[in-house]
Amino acid sequence: SLSRIRQHRAERTPDALRDHLVAMIAGRGEAPCRDGCLLINTVLEQSGLDEELADLARRYLEQIQAEFEAWIADMQAEGTLSASPDARRRARSLMCLIKGLRVMAREGTPREALEELIDDFMEGWRVA
């Protein structure tokens, strides 16, 4: 949610972003949260059926992406995250990762494997 992103955003480091992603998939014990994402499910299931509802969900997902973009831009400005690619592209790829993690969690992928994917993704974001 936007409020959780804003809460984690106070710490402007890639580790804080990683912690946010891990918290997002956290379930109980070794199992990841398998609830999926109501917004993503709404876009997928309502497109072509209830465009008004699907558009509402799309707009909220765009707000989430914009919040990630601002967080990333803050990290880039502070030098805790490399400047390339730009914040917009990074936020878009981050949303792709999140959507994939949600699907994999629903499929039953173990939490440890999801965390490994997050680590692999974030590895390319570290400042050398």
N, C-alpha and C. Protein backbone atom coordinates (compact mmCIF):
# COMPACT_ATOMS: atom_id res chain seq x y z
N SER A 1 0.84 -1.19 0.00
CA SER A 1 0.00 0.00 0.00
C SER A 1 0.88 1.25 0.00
N LEU A 2 0.29 2.35 -0.37
CA LEU A 2 1.03 3.60 -0.42
C LEU A 2 1.57 3.98 0.95
N SER A 3 0.78 3.75 2.00
CA SER A 3 1.23 4.14 3.34
C SER A 3 2.45 3.34 3.77
N ARG A 4 2.51 2.06 3.43
CA ARG A 4 3.68 1.25 3.78
C ARG A 4 4.91 1.68 2.99
N ILE A 5 4.71 2.02 1.73
CA ILE A 5 5.84 2.51 0.92
C ILE A 5 6.38 3.79 1.54
N ARG A 6 5.49 4.70 1.89
CA ARG A 6 5.91 5.98 2.48
C ARG A 6 6.62 5.77 3.80
N GLN A 7 6.16 4.80 4.57
CA GLN A 7 6.80 4.49 5.85
C GLN A 7 8.24 4.00 5.64
N HIS A 8 8.43 3.07 4.72
CA HIS A 8 9.77 2.55 4.43
C HIS A 8 10.64 3.58 3.72
N ARG A 9 10.02 4.48 2.99
CA ARG A 9 10.74 5.44 2.17
C ARG A 9 11.58 6.42 2.99
N ALA A 10 11.27 6.55 4.26
CA ALA A 10 12.04 7.45 5.12
C ALA A 10 13.52 7.08 5.13
N GLU A 11 13.78 5.79 5.01
CA GLU A 11 15.18 5.33 4.92
C GLU A 11 15.50 5.19 3.43
N ARG A 12 16.41 5.98 2.94
CA ARG A 12 16.68 6.08 1.51
C ARG A 12 17.87 5.23 1.11
N THR A 13 17.69 3.91 1.25
CA THR A 13 18.76 2.98 0.86
C THR A 13 18.16 1.80 0.11
N PRO A 14 18.96 1.15 -0.73
CA PRO A 14 18.48 -0.07 -1.38
C PRO A 14 18.09 -1.16 -0.37
N ASP A 15 18.77 -1.20 0.78
CA ASP A 15 18.41 -2.20 1.79
C ASP A 15 17.01 -1.96 2.34
N ALA A 16 16.63 -0.70 2.49
CA ALA A 16 15.28 -0.39 2.95
C ALA A 16 14.25 -0.82 1.91
N LEU A 17 14.57 -0.63 0.64
CA LEU A 17 13.68 -1.08 -0.43
C LEU A 17 13.57 -2.60 -0.42
N ARG A 18 14.70 -3.27 -0.25
CA ARG A 18 14.69 -4.73 -0.16
C ARG A 18 13.81 -5.18 1.01
N ASP A 19 13.97 -4.54 2.16
CA ASP A 19 13.17 -4.89 3.34
C ASP A 19 11.69 -4.70 3.06
N HIS A 20 11.35 -3.65 2.32
CA HIS A 20 9.95 -3.42 1.96
C HIS A 20 9.42 -4.57 1.09
N LEU A 21 10.21 -4.99 0.12
CA LEU A 21 9.79 -6.08 -0.76
C LEU A 21 9.63 -7.38 0.02
N VAL A 22 10.56 -7.67 0.91
CA VAL A 22 10.47 -8.88 1.72
C VAL A 22 9.23 -8.83 2.61
N ALA A 23 8.97 -7.68 3.22
CA ALA A 23 7.78 -7.54 4.06
C ALA A 23 6.51 -7.74 3.24
N MET A 24 6.54 -7.31 2.00
CA MET A 24 5.38 -7.43 1.13
C MET A 24 5.01 -8.90 0.88
N ILE A 25 6.02 -9.77 0.78
CA ILE A 25 5.73 -11.18 0.51
C ILE A 25 5.67 -12.01 1.78
N ALA A 26 5.94 -11.38 2.92
CA ALA A 26 6.02 -12.13 4.18
C ALA A 26 4.69 -12.78 4.53
N GLY A 27 4.79 -14.00 4.92
CA GLY A 27 3.65 -14.74 5.43
C GLY A 27 3.99 -15.20 6.83
N ARG A 28 3.57 -16.37 7.16
CA ARG A 28 3.91 -16.94 8.46
C ARG A 28 5.00 -18.00 8.27
N GLY A 29 6.05 -17.88 9.05
CA GLY A 29 7.11 -18.87 8.98
C GLY A 29 7.79 -18.87 7.63
N GLU A 30 7.94 -20.07 7.06
CA GLU A 30 8.62 -20.23 5.78
C GLU A 30 7.71 -19.98 4.58
N ALA A 31 6.41 -19.95 4.82
CA ALA A 31 5.46 -19.79 3.71
C ALA A 31 5.26 -18.32 3.40
N PRO A 32 5.26 -17.96 2.12
CA PRO A 32 4.99 -16.56 1.77
C PRO A 32 3.50 -16.26 1.88
N CYS A 33 3.18 -14.98 1.90
CA CYS A 33 1.79 -14.56 1.85
C CYS A 33 1.22 -15.00 0.51
N ARG A 34 0.09 -15.68 0.51
CA ARG A 34 -0.47 -16.21 -0.74
C ARG A 34 -1.75 -15.48 -1.13
N ASP A 35 -1.96 -14.31 -0.58
CA ASP A 35 -3.19 -13.57 -0.85
C ASP A 35 -3.23 -12.97 -2.25
N GLY A 36 -2.09 -12.86 -2.89
CA GLY A 36 -2.07 -12.19 -4.18
C GLY A 36 -2.23 -10.70 -3.99
N CYS A 37 -2.70 -10.04 -5.01
CA CYS A 37 -2.88 -8.59 -4.93
C CYS A 37 -4.24 -8.26 -5.50
N LEU A 38 -5.09 -7.71 -4.68
CA LEU A 38 -6.44 -7.38 -5.11
C LEU A 38 -6.44 -6.42 -6.30
N LEU A 39 -5.51 -5.47 -6.31
CA LEU A 39 -5.46 -4.51 -7.41
C LEU A 39 -5.11 -5.19 -8.73
N ILE A 40 -4.08 -6.02 -8.70
CA ILE A 40 -3.67 -6.73 -9.92
C ILE A 40 -4.77 -7.67 -10.37
N ASN A 41 -5.34 -8.41 -9.41
CA ASN A 41 -6.43 -9.32 -9.76
C ASN A 41 -7.60 -8.56 -10.38
N THR A 42 -7.91 -7.38 -9.84
CA THR A 42 -9.02 -6.59 -10.36
C THR A 42 -8.75 -6.16 -11.80
N VAL A 43 -7.55 -5.67 -12.07
CA VAL A 43 -7.21 -5.25 -13.44
C VAL A 43 -7.36 -6.43 -14.39
N LEU A 44 -6.80 -7.57 -14.00
CA LEU A 44 -6.82 -8.74 -14.89
C LEU A 44 -8.22 -9.29 -15.09
N GLU A 45 -8.99 -9.36 -14.03
CA GLU A 45 -10.29 -10.03 -14.10
C GLU A 45 -11.41 -9.11 -14.58
N GLN A 46 -11.26 -7.80 -14.39
CA GLN A 46 -12.36 -6.90 -14.73
C GLN A 46 -12.17 -6.19 -16.07
N SER A 47 -10.97 -6.25 -16.63
CA SER A 47 -10.75 -5.62 -17.95
C SER A 47 -11.69 -6.27 -18.95
N GLY A 48 -12.44 -5.43 -19.64
CA GLY A 48 -13.41 -5.92 -20.61
C GLY A 48 -14.77 -6.22 -20.00
N LEU A 49 -14.84 -6.30 -18.66
CA LEU A 49 -16.11 -6.57 -17.99
C LEU A 49 -16.62 -5.32 -17.26
N ASP A 50 -15.76 -4.77 -16.45
CA ASP A 50 -16.10 -3.57 -15.69
C ASP A 50 -14.91 -2.62 -15.80
N GLU A 51 -14.87 -1.89 -16.90
CA GLU A 51 -13.72 -1.01 -17.18
C GLU A 51 -13.56 0.08 -16.14
N GLU A 52 -14.64 0.55 -15.57
CA GLU A 52 -14.54 1.60 -14.55
C GLU A 52 -13.77 1.08 -13.33
N LEU A 53 -14.09 -0.12 -12.90
CA LEU A 53 -13.39 -0.73 -11.77
C LEU A 53 -11.94 -1.05 -12.13
N ALA A 54 -11.73 -1.60 -13.31
CA ALA A 54 -10.37 -1.92 -13.76
C ALA A 54 -9.52 -0.65 -13.85
N ASP A 55 -10.11 0.44 -14.36
CA ASP A 55 -9.38 1.71 -14.46
C ASP A 55 -9.03 2.27 -13.08
N LEU A 56 -9.93 2.12 -12.13
CA LEU A 56 -9.68 2.58 -10.76
C LEU A 56 -8.47 1.82 -10.18
N ALA A 57 -8.45 0.52 -10.37
CA ALA A 57 -7.33 -0.28 -9.88
C ALA A 57 -6.03 0.09 -10.61
N ARG A 58 -6.11 0.31 -11.92
CA ARG A 58 -4.92 0.72 -12.69
C ARG A 58 -4.36 2.05 -12.17
N ARG A 59 -5.24 2.98 -11.89
CA ARG A 59 -4.79 4.29 -11.40
C ARG A 59 -4.09 4.15 -10.04
N TYR A 60 -4.61 3.30 -9.19
CA TYR A 60 -3.96 3.10 -7.88
C TYR A 60 -2.59 2.44 -8.06
N LEU A 61 -2.50 1.48 -8.96
CA LEU A 61 -1.20 0.86 -9.26
C LEU A 61 -0.22 1.90 -9.82
N GLU A 62 -0.73 2.83 -10.62
CA GLU A 62 0.12 3.91 -11.14
C GLU A 62 0.61 4.81 -10.01
N GLN A 63 -0.23 5.05 -9.00
CA GLN A 63 0.19 5.83 -7.84
C GLN A 63 1.29 5.11 -7.06
N ILE A 64 1.14 3.81 -6.93
CA ILE A 64 2.17 3.01 -6.25
C ILE A 64 3.48 3.11 -7.03
N GLN A 65 3.41 2.97 -8.33
CA GLN A 65 4.62 3.07 -9.14
C GLN A 65 5.24 4.46 -9.01
N ALA A 66 4.43 5.50 -8.98
CA ALA A 66 4.94 6.86 -8.84
C ALA A 66 5.63 7.04 -7.48
N GLU A 67 5.09 6.42 -6.45
CA GLU A 67 5.71 6.50 -5.13
C GLU A 67 7.06 5.78 -5.13
N PHE A 68 7.12 4.63 -5.77
CA PHE A 68 8.41 3.94 -5.91
C PHE A 68 9.39 4.80 -6.71
N GLU A 69 8.90 5.43 -7.77
CA GLU A 69 9.76 6.28 -8.59
C GLU A 69 10.35 7.42 -7.76
N ALA A 70 9.54 8.03 -6.93
CA ALA A 70 10.03 9.12 -6.07
C ALA A 70 11.05 8.60 -5.07
N TRP A 71 10.81 7.44 -4.50
CA TRP A 71 11.74 6.83 -3.55
C TRP A 71 13.07 6.55 -4.23
N ILE A 72 13.00 5.98 -5.41
CA ILE A 72 14.21 5.66 -6.18
C ILE A 72 14.96 6.94 -6.53
N ALA A 73 14.24 7.96 -6.96
CA ALA A 73 14.87 9.24 -7.31
C ALA A 73 15.57 9.85 -6.09
N ASP A 74 14.95 9.72 -4.92
CA ASP A 74 15.58 10.21 -3.69
C ASP A 74 16.90 9.48 -3.43
N MET A 75 16.89 8.16 -3.60
CA MET A 75 18.11 7.38 -3.39
C MET A 75 19.18 7.76 -4.41
N GLN A 76 18.77 7.97 -5.64
CA GLN A 76 19.73 8.37 -6.66
C GLN A 76 20.32 9.74 -6.35
N ALA A 77 19.50 10.65 -5.88
CA ALA A 77 19.97 12.00 -5.55
C ALA A 77 20.95 11.97 -4.38
N GLU A 78 20.74 11.05 -3.45
CA GLU A 78 21.63 10.93 -2.29
C GLU A 78 22.86 10.08 -2.58
N GLY A 79 22.89 9.44 -3.74
CA GLY A 79 24.04 8.63 -4.11
C GLY A 79 24.04 7.23 -3.52
N THR A 80 22.91 6.79 -2.93
CA THR A 80 22.85 5.43 -2.39
C THR A 80 22.39 4.43 -3.45
N LEU A 81 22.04 4.94 -4.62
CA LEU A 81 21.60 4.11 -5.73
C LEU A 81 22.15 4.73 -7.01
N SER A 82 22.67 3.88 -7.89
CA SER A 82 23.24 4.41 -9.12
C SER A 82 22.19 5.17 -9.94
N ALA A 83 22.65 6.14 -10.70
CA ALA A 83 21.74 7.04 -11.43
C ALA A 83 21.16 6.42 -12.70
N SER A 84 21.73 5.32 -13.15
CA SER A 84 21.27 4.71 -14.39
C SER A 84 20.90 3.26 -14.14
N PRO A 85 19.77 2.83 -14.65
CA PRO A 85 18.77 3.57 -15.42
C PRO A 85 18.01 4.56 -14.53
N ASP A 86 17.25 5.41 -15.19
CA ASP A 86 16.56 6.46 -14.45
C ASP A 86 15.46 5.89 -13.55
N ALA A 87 14.97 6.73 -12.65
CA ALA A 87 14.00 6.30 -11.64
C ALA A 87 12.71 5.76 -12.26
N ARG A 88 12.26 6.35 -13.36
CA ARG A 88 11.02 5.88 -14.00
C ARG A 88 11.17 4.45 -14.48
N ARG A 89 12.28 4.16 -15.15
CA ARG A 89 12.51 2.81 -15.65
C ARG A 89 12.69 1.82 -14.51
N ARG A 90 13.40 2.22 -13.48
CA ARG A 90 13.58 1.33 -12.33
C ARG A 90 12.25 1.04 -11.64
N ALA A 91 11.42 2.05 -11.49
CA ALA A 91 10.11 1.85 -10.85
C ALA A 91 9.24 0.90 -11.67
N ARG A 92 9.30 1.03 -12.97
CA ARG A 92 8.53 0.14 -13.84
C ARG A 92 9.02 -1.30 -13.71
N SER A 93 10.32 -1.49 -13.69
CA SER A 93 10.85 -2.86 -13.54
C SER A 93 10.55 -3.40 -12.15
N LEU A 94 10.54 -2.54 -11.15
CA LEU A 94 10.19 -2.96 -9.79
C LEU A 94 8.74 -3.44 -9.73
N MET A 95 7.85 -2.73 -10.40
CA MET A 95 6.44 -3.16 -10.44
C MET A 95 6.31 -4.51 -11.13
N CYS A 96 7.09 -4.74 -12.15
CA CYS A 96 7.09 -6.04 -12.83
C CYS A 96 7.53 -7.14 -11.86
N LEU A 97 8.59 -6.87 -11.10
CA LEU A 97 9.04 -7.83 -10.10
C LEU A 97 7.94 -8.12 -9.08
N ILE A 98 7.31 -7.08 -8.58
CA ILE A 98 6.27 -7.25 -7.56
C ILE A 98 5.12 -8.10 -8.09
N LYS A 99 4.69 -7.82 -9.30
CA LYS A 99 3.59 -8.59 -9.89
C LYS A 99 4.00 -10.05 -10.04
N GLY A 100 5.22 -10.30 -10.48
CA GLY A 100 5.71 -11.66 -10.60
C GLY A 100 5.82 -12.37 -9.27
N LEU A 101 6.30 -11.66 -8.25
CA LEU A 101 6.39 -12.25 -6.91
C LEU A 101 5.02 -12.65 -6.39
N ARG A 102 4.03 -11.80 -6.63
CA ARG A 102 2.67 -12.10 -6.18
C ARG A 102 2.14 -13.37 -6.83
N VAL A 103 2.37 -13.52 -8.13
CA VAL A 103 1.92 -14.72 -8.84
C VAL A 103 2.65 -15.94 -8.30
N MET A 104 3.97 -15.83 -8.15
CA MET A 104 4.75 -16.97 -7.68
C MET A 104 4.36 -17.37 -6.25
N ALA A 105 4.05 -16.39 -5.41
CA ALA A 105 3.61 -16.69 -4.05
C ALA A 105 2.29 -17.46 -4.08
N ARG A 106 1.39 -17.05 -4.95
CA ARG A 106 0.11 -17.76 -5.06
C ARG A 106 0.28 -19.17 -5.59
N GLU A 107 1.32 -19.36 -6.41
CA GLU A 107 1.61 -20.70 -6.93
C GLU A 107 2.21 -21.61 -5.87
N GLY A 108 2.64 -21.02 -4.75
CA GLY A 108 3.21 -21.83 -3.67
C GLY A 108 4.73 -21.82 -3.62
N THR A 109 5.37 -20.91 -4.34
CA THR A 109 6.83 -20.81 -4.29
C THR A 109 7.25 -20.50 -2.86
N PRO A 110 8.24 -21.24 -2.33
CA PRO A 110 8.68 -21.00 -0.95
C PRO A 110 9.20 -19.57 -0.76
N ARG A 111 9.00 -19.06 0.43
CA ARG A 111 9.42 -17.70 0.76
C ARG A 111 10.91 -17.50 0.50
N GLU A 112 11.73 -18.48 0.86
CA GLU A 112 13.18 -18.37 0.66
C GLU A 112 13.51 -18.13 -0.81
N ALA A 113 12.83 -18.82 -1.71
CA ALA A 113 13.07 -18.65 -3.14
C ALA A 113 12.65 -17.25 -3.61
N LEU A 114 11.56 -16.74 -3.05
CA LEU A 114 11.11 -15.38 -3.41
C LEU A 114 12.12 -14.35 -2.91
N GLU A 115 12.64 -14.55 -1.71
CA GLU A 115 13.66 -13.63 -1.19
C GLU A 115 14.92 -13.68 -2.04
N GLU A 116 15.28 -14.85 -2.53
CA GLU A 116 16.44 -14.96 -3.41
C GLU A 116 16.22 -14.14 -4.70
N LEU A 117 15.01 -14.19 -5.23
CA LEU A 117 14.69 -13.39 -6.43
C LEU A 117 14.82 -11.90 -6.14
N ILE A 118 14.34 -11.49 -4.98
CA ILE A 118 14.46 -10.09 -4.59
C ILE A 118 15.94 -9.70 -4.50
N ASP A 119 16.74 -10.56 -3.86
CA ASP A 119 18.17 -10.28 -3.72
C ASP A 119 18.85 -10.20 -5.09
N ASP A 120 18.50 -11.13 -5.98
CA ASP A 120 19.08 -11.11 -7.33
C ASP A 120 18.73 -9.81 -8.05
N PHE A 121 17.47 -9.40 -7.93
CA PHE A 121 17.01 -8.17 -8.56
C PHE A 121 17.74 -6.95 -7.99
N MET A 122 17.85 -6.90 -6.67
CA MET A 122 18.45 -5.75 -6.01
C MET A 122 19.97 -5.69 -6.20
N GLU A 123 20.60 -6.80 -6.49
CA GLU A 123 22.06 -6.83 -6.64
C GLU A 123 22.52 -5.85 -7.72
N GLY A 124 21.77 -5.74 -8.77
CA GLY A 124 22.12 -4.81 -9.84
C GLY A 124 21.90 -3.34 -9.49
N TRP A 125 21.31 -3.07 -8.32
CA TRP A 125 21.01 -1.72 -7.92
C TRP A 125 22.04 -1.13 -6.97
N ARG A 126 22.97 -1.92 -6.53
CA ARG A 126 23.96 -1.46 -5.55
C ARG A 126 24.95 -0.49 -6.20
N VAL A 127 25.35 0.49 -5.44
CA VAL A 127 26.38 1.42 -5.89
C VAL A 127 27.72 0.74 -5.69
N ALA A 128 28.54 0.73 -6.73
CA ALA A 128 29.84 0.04 -6.64
C ALA A 128 30.81 0.83 -5.80
